[in-house]
Structures are given as C-alpha cells and as structure tokens.
Protein backbone atom coordinates (compact mmCIF):
# COMPACT_ATOMS: atom_id res chain seq x y z
CA MET A 1 203.98 109.20 -11.53
CA PRO A 2 203.42 105.47 -12.33
CA TYR A 3 206.83 103.89 -12.85
CA ALA A 4 205.75 101.78 -15.84
CA ARG A 5 205.24 105.00 -17.80
CA THR A 6 208.54 106.66 -16.95
CA LEU A 7 211.33 107.06 -19.43
CA GLU A 8 214.04 105.69 -17.14
CA HIS A 9 212.03 102.47 -16.77
CA ALA A 10 212.32 101.93 -20.54
CA LEU A 11 216.06 102.65 -20.45
CA ASP A 12 216.58 100.30 -17.49
CA LYS A 13 214.64 97.55 -19.26
CA HIS A 14 217.05 97.78 -22.21
CA GLY A 15 220.14 97.58 -19.99
CA LEU A 16 221.05 101.28 -20.19
CA GLY A 17 220.74 102.06 -16.50
CA PRO A 18 221.17 103.11 -13.87
CA VAL A 19 219.60 106.35 -15.08
CA ALA A 20 220.38 109.70 -13.48
CA GLY A 21 218.10 112.69 -13.72
CA VAL A 22 219.49 116.23 -13.52
CA ASP A 23 217.68 119.51 -12.95
CA GLU A 24 218.31 122.99 -11.57
CA ALA A 25 216.57 125.67 -9.56
CA GLY A 26 217.27 129.40 -9.52
CA ARG A 27 218.37 129.99 -13.10
CA GLY A 28 215.85 132.79 -13.51
CA ALA A 29 216.50 134.39 -10.13
CA CYS A 30 218.66 137.49 -9.78
CA ALA A 31 219.96 136.79 -6.27
CA GLY A 32 221.25 133.73 -4.48
CA PRO A 33 222.86 130.62 -5.90
CA ILE A 34 221.80 128.29 -8.64
CA SER A 35 221.11 124.84 -7.22
CA ILE A 36 221.69 121.76 -9.40
CA ALA A 37 220.76 118.23 -8.37
CA ALA A 38 221.34 114.79 -9.81
CA CYS A 39 219.46 111.70 -8.66
CA VAL A 40 219.42 107.96 -9.39
CA LEU A 41 216.31 106.13 -8.21
CA PRO A 42 215.99 102.33 -7.89
CA ASP A 43 214.48 100.34 -10.76
CA ARG A 44 211.19 99.56 -9.03
CA PRO A 45 207.91 101.24 -8.09
CA ILE A 46 208.27 103.58 -5.11
CA PRO A 47 204.85 104.07 -3.50
CA GLU A 48 206.03 106.88 -1.20
CA LEU A 49 207.02 108.91 -4.27
CA GLU A 50 203.80 108.46 -6.24
CA ARG A 51 203.03 112.19 -5.98
CA LEU A 52 206.42 113.10 -7.41
CA THR A 53 206.31 115.50 -10.36
CA ASP A 54 207.81 118.81 -11.48
CA SER A 55 208.79 120.64 -8.29
CA LYS A 56 207.13 123.85 -9.52
CA LYS A 57 203.77 122.03 -9.50
CA LEU A 58 204.16 120.90 -5.88
CA SER A 59 203.28 122.92 -2.81
CA PRO A 60 206.19 124.00 -0.59
CA ALA A 61 204.89 121.68 2.15
CA LEU A 62 204.80 118.67 -0.19
CA ARG A 63 208.27 119.43 -1.55
CA ALA A 64 209.56 119.58 2.02
CA ARG A 65 208.05 116.15 2.72
CA LEU A 66 209.27 114.57 -0.52
CA ALA A 67 212.90 115.78 -0.36
CA PRO A 68 213.97 113.56 2.58
CA LEU A 69 212.02 110.62 1.12
CA ILE A 70 213.93 111.02 -2.15
CA LYS A 71 217.25 111.07 -0.30
CA ASP A 72 216.32 107.98 1.73
CA THR A 73 215.11 106.07 -1.35
CA ALA A 74 217.67 107.08 -3.98
CA LEU A 75 220.57 104.89 -4.97
CA ALA A 76 222.57 108.11 -5.22
CA TRP A 77 221.94 111.86 -5.15
CA SER A 78 223.98 115.04 -5.10
CA VAL A 79 223.39 118.78 -5.02
CA VAL A 80 225.83 121.39 -6.35
CA LEU A 81 225.55 125.10 -5.54
CA ILE A 82 227.05 127.89 -7.63
CA ASP A 83 226.95 131.26 -5.92
CA ALA A 84 226.08 134.65 -7.34
CA ALA A 85 229.70 135.78 -7.70
CA ASP A 86 230.57 132.76 -9.85
CA ILE A 87 227.42 133.24 -11.91
CA ASP A 88 228.56 136.81 -12.57
CA ARG A 89 232.05 135.58 -13.39
CA TRP A 90 231.13 132.72 -15.74
CA GLY A 91 227.64 133.57 -16.97
CA ILE A 92 224.52 131.62 -16.11
CA GLN A 93 224.73 129.18 -19.03
CA HIS A 94 228.30 128.12 -18.26
CA ALA A 95 227.54 127.94 -14.54
CA ASN A 96 224.51 125.75 -15.17
CA ILE A 97 226.29 123.31 -17.49
CA SER A 98 229.34 123.12 -15.24
CA GLY A 99 227.13 122.48 -12.22
CA MET A 100 225.24 119.69 -13.99
CA ARG A 101 228.49 117.94 -14.88
CA ARG A 102 229.73 118.26 -11.31
CA ALA A 103 226.45 116.97 -9.86
CA VAL A 104 226.59 113.82 -12.03
CA ALA A 105 230.31 113.32 -11.31
CA GLN A 106 229.59 113.39 -7.56
CA LEU A 107 227.02 110.58 -7.68
CA ALA A 108 228.12 107.56 -5.63
CA THR A 109 226.49 105.32 -8.25
CA PRO A 110 227.87 106.17 -11.71
CA PRO A 111 224.98 106.37 -14.19
CA GLY A 112 224.77 104.44 -17.43
CA TYR A 113 222.52 107.13 -18.87
CA VAL A 114 221.72 110.75 -17.96
CA LEU A 115 218.42 112.56 -18.56
CA THR A 116 218.22 116.35 -18.33
CA ASP A 117 215.23 118.66 -18.35
CA ALA A 118 215.37 120.23 -21.83
CA MET A 119 219.06 121.25 -21.72
CA ARG A 120 221.64 119.44 -23.85
CA VAL A 121 224.80 119.00 -21.79
CA PRO A 122 227.93 117.35 -23.21
CA GLY A 123 230.64 115.84 -21.04
CA PHE A 124 228.74 113.66 -18.57
CA GLY A 125 230.88 110.62 -19.30
CA ALA A 126 227.73 108.66 -20.16
CA PRO A 127 225.11 108.93 -22.92
CA SER A 128 222.59 111.65 -22.23
CA LEU A 129 219.31 112.96 -23.56
CA PRO A 130 217.54 116.29 -23.00
CA ILE A 131 213.80 115.86 -22.45
CA ILE A 132 211.38 118.77 -22.86
CA GLY A 133 209.04 118.53 -19.90
CA GLY A 134 211.38 115.93 -18.50
CA ASP A 135 210.20 116.20 -14.92
CA ALA A 136 206.82 114.86 -16.06
CA ALA A 137 208.36 112.05 -18.13
CA ALA A 138 211.08 110.74 -15.82
CA ARG A 139 210.94 110.23 -12.06
CA CYS A 140 214.67 110.79 -11.72
CA ILE A 141 214.39 114.30 -13.24
CA ALA A 142 211.39 115.08 -11.05
CA ALA A 143 213.34 113.90 -8.01
CA ALA A 144 216.30 116.06 -8.97
CA SER A 145 214.03 119.06 -9.45
CA VAL A 146 212.60 118.63 -5.95
CA LEU A 147 216.06 118.29 -4.37
CA ALA A 148 217.37 121.33 -6.24
CA LYS A 149 214.41 123.56 -5.39
CA GLN A 150 214.04 122.48 -1.78
CA THR A 151 217.76 123.02 -1.16
CA ARG A 152 217.67 126.45 -2.75
CA ASP A 153 214.50 127.53 -0.96
CA GLU A 154 216.07 126.65 2.39
CA ILE A 155 219.16 128.68 1.48
CA MET A 156 217.05 131.69 0.50
CA VAL A 157 215.21 131.55 3.83
CA GLU A 158 218.60 131.61 5.59
CA LEU A 159 219.77 134.51 3.38
CA ASP A 160 216.66 136.40 4.45
CA ARG A 161 217.99 136.15 8.01
CA THR A 162 221.57 137.14 7.19
CA HIS A 163 220.62 139.79 4.61
CA PRO A 164 217.43 141.36 5.97
CA GLY A 165 215.40 143.91 4.08
CA TYR A 166 215.20 142.22 0.68
CA GLY A 167 212.42 139.70 1.31
CA PHE A 168 214.41 136.66 0.13
CA ALA A 169 212.21 134.26 2.12
CA ALA A 170 209.16 135.42 0.17
CA HIS A 171 210.38 135.80 -3.42
CA LYS A 172 213.40 133.45 -3.23
CA GLY A 173 215.62 135.90 -5.13
CA TYR A 174 213.42 136.30 -8.20
CA GLY A 175 212.99 139.74 -9.71
CA THR A 176 209.63 140.76 -8.27
CA SER A 177 208.68 144.42 -8.03
CA ALA A 178 209.01 144.24 -4.24
CA HIS A 179 212.51 142.79 -4.60
CA MET A 180 213.67 145.50 -7.01
CA ASP A 181 212.13 148.19 -4.80
CA ALA A 182 214.25 146.81 -1.94
CA VAL A 183 217.41 147.01 -4.07
CA ARG A 184 216.60 150.62 -4.92
CA ARG A 185 216.19 151.35 -1.19
CA HIS A 186 219.17 149.38 0.17
CA GLY A 187 221.47 148.74 -2.77
CA ALA A 188 222.34 145.26 -3.98
CA SER A 189 223.98 142.84 -1.53
CA SER A 190 226.87 140.42 -1.94
CA VAL A 191 224.41 137.66 -2.88
CA HIS A 192 222.88 139.55 -5.80
CA ARG A 193 223.83 138.85 -9.43
CA TYR A 194 225.29 142.13 -10.63
CA THR A 195 225.40 141.12 -14.29
CA TYR A 196 221.61 140.85 -14.38
CA ALA A 197 220.15 144.00 -15.91
CA ASN A 198 217.38 144.49 -13.36
CA VAL A 199 219.82 144.31 -10.44
CA ALA A 200 222.34 146.59 -12.16
CA THR A 201 219.67 149.21 -12.93
CA ALA A 202 218.14 149.18 -9.45
CA HIS A 203 221.58 149.26 -7.83
CA ARG A 204 222.68 152.24 -9.92
CA GLN A 205 219.56 154.07 -8.78
CA TRP A 206 220.56 153.37 -5.17
CA CYS A 207 224.14 154.47 -5.85
CA ALA A 208 222.94 157.76 -7.31
CA GLY A 209 221.43 158.70 -3.98
CA SER A 210 223.88 157.03 -1.60
CA ALA A 211 227.24 158.08 -0.20
CA SER A 212 228.00 154.58 1.16
CA ALA A 213 228.59 152.77 -2.13
CA VAL A 214 232.05 151.30 -2.68
CA THR A 215 233.54 149.81 -5.81
CA ARG A 216 233.84 146.04 -6.17
CA GLY A 217 235.51 146.11 -9.57
CA PRO A 218 236.05 148.32 -12.60
CA GLU A 219 232.33 148.63 -13.30
CA GLU A 220 230.74 146.93 -10.31
CA VAL A 221 229.49 148.71 -7.22
CA TRP A 222 228.20 147.06 -4.08
CA HIS A 223 227.69 147.48 -0.36
CA GLU A 224 227.44 145.35 2.76
C-alpha cells in the first residue's frame, strides 16, 4: 500500500495527525471474543509493510509475519478483547463500539484523528471518520485489522486446546456447519455466544437429548 496514496498521509499533511486506525475481528463469529485493535503508524513510508492490506485478503502466514512488524514499527497500538459473556450481556453493536473507544483510549500516543472501517463511532475524543473499505484506503486501519485478526486467531487456537471437540482452530468460532454439528453433539460451551440464534438452536437440540444440561440463567442453558 504506497503511503502517498493513503488517507492518513493526506490528514497528516494538513496537520490533523497523528492518525489512528481502528478495526475489529470476530463480529460475525458465534463463539470466542471480539478483538478490536487501534494503531498509529509513523508519517513516513514503511517498506516492511508494503504488503499491508485488509487482513482478510492476507494469508494466515503473512498475517503472522506482519503482526510483529506492525507492533515494532507503530508509534502506538492496542488490542481490546470483549468475551462472549459480555457480548451476550451488551449486544454485539454496543460491545464493538465500546471496545473501539477503549482501544483508542489505551493508545500511548493520543491521536489527532481516528479512522474506522465503515462504522461511525462517537466518543473518541478526537475527530473521526468511517471509511467504507477503509483497510484498503488507510494503512493504519489495515494495520489494526491485522493486529485484531491475528490476536483473535491465536486465541481461538488456544480455545481449541482448552475446549476440544468444537474445531475452533479450524473455523475460528464462525458458524460453519461443522461447528453447529459439534454444538448439537456436545452442547454449547462457556465461550459460545448464547444470544446468537444458531448457537441457541443447536444448544437446545443438545439439551433435548442430554441429562447433563444445567441452567445458567432464566432462559440460558449451558454445560462445561
């Protein structure tokens, strides 16, 4: 991503920097946390990050190589995690917006401007702008997207070890047919999002044939 064409370069040139990019990973998953990252990159070309773009367009191996380079190069970066229980409690939209605010607030270098990928978020304490396709238009958003996704992928691999049987390392908590089949076989775990319809339906099917289900709340059933 040539720096001369990035949006934060234009903002920096007009004295509106430093510019922070914010992005999330895991919003569409039905298990595991949502991961939200903020990143401020220096106002100069960064040859080692020339291949930086939307994390979803990068191979897992390239994301894994870029993430530490971003951390080493950035003026500031932060990652905020919001777990499944809090997503159920607050709702995904509130959790996402709250996490973006927290990620920006935790930056060691306060931004003069904040760019988000498509989502309008008030309350950053600095001017902000949502950019559709932002991770292709701003390096700082692309960097945040890589940090958010790489962090979350590593967590889902660890959850595959601590919660075997669901295939978290493969599908990363998204609602694949194999994932939902596993919930119907084993019941949902403590890292599933019970307010998501596909999890609730599959878990009820498990409950109907299981004597080991216990109540978590008035209308929530889970097992360990």
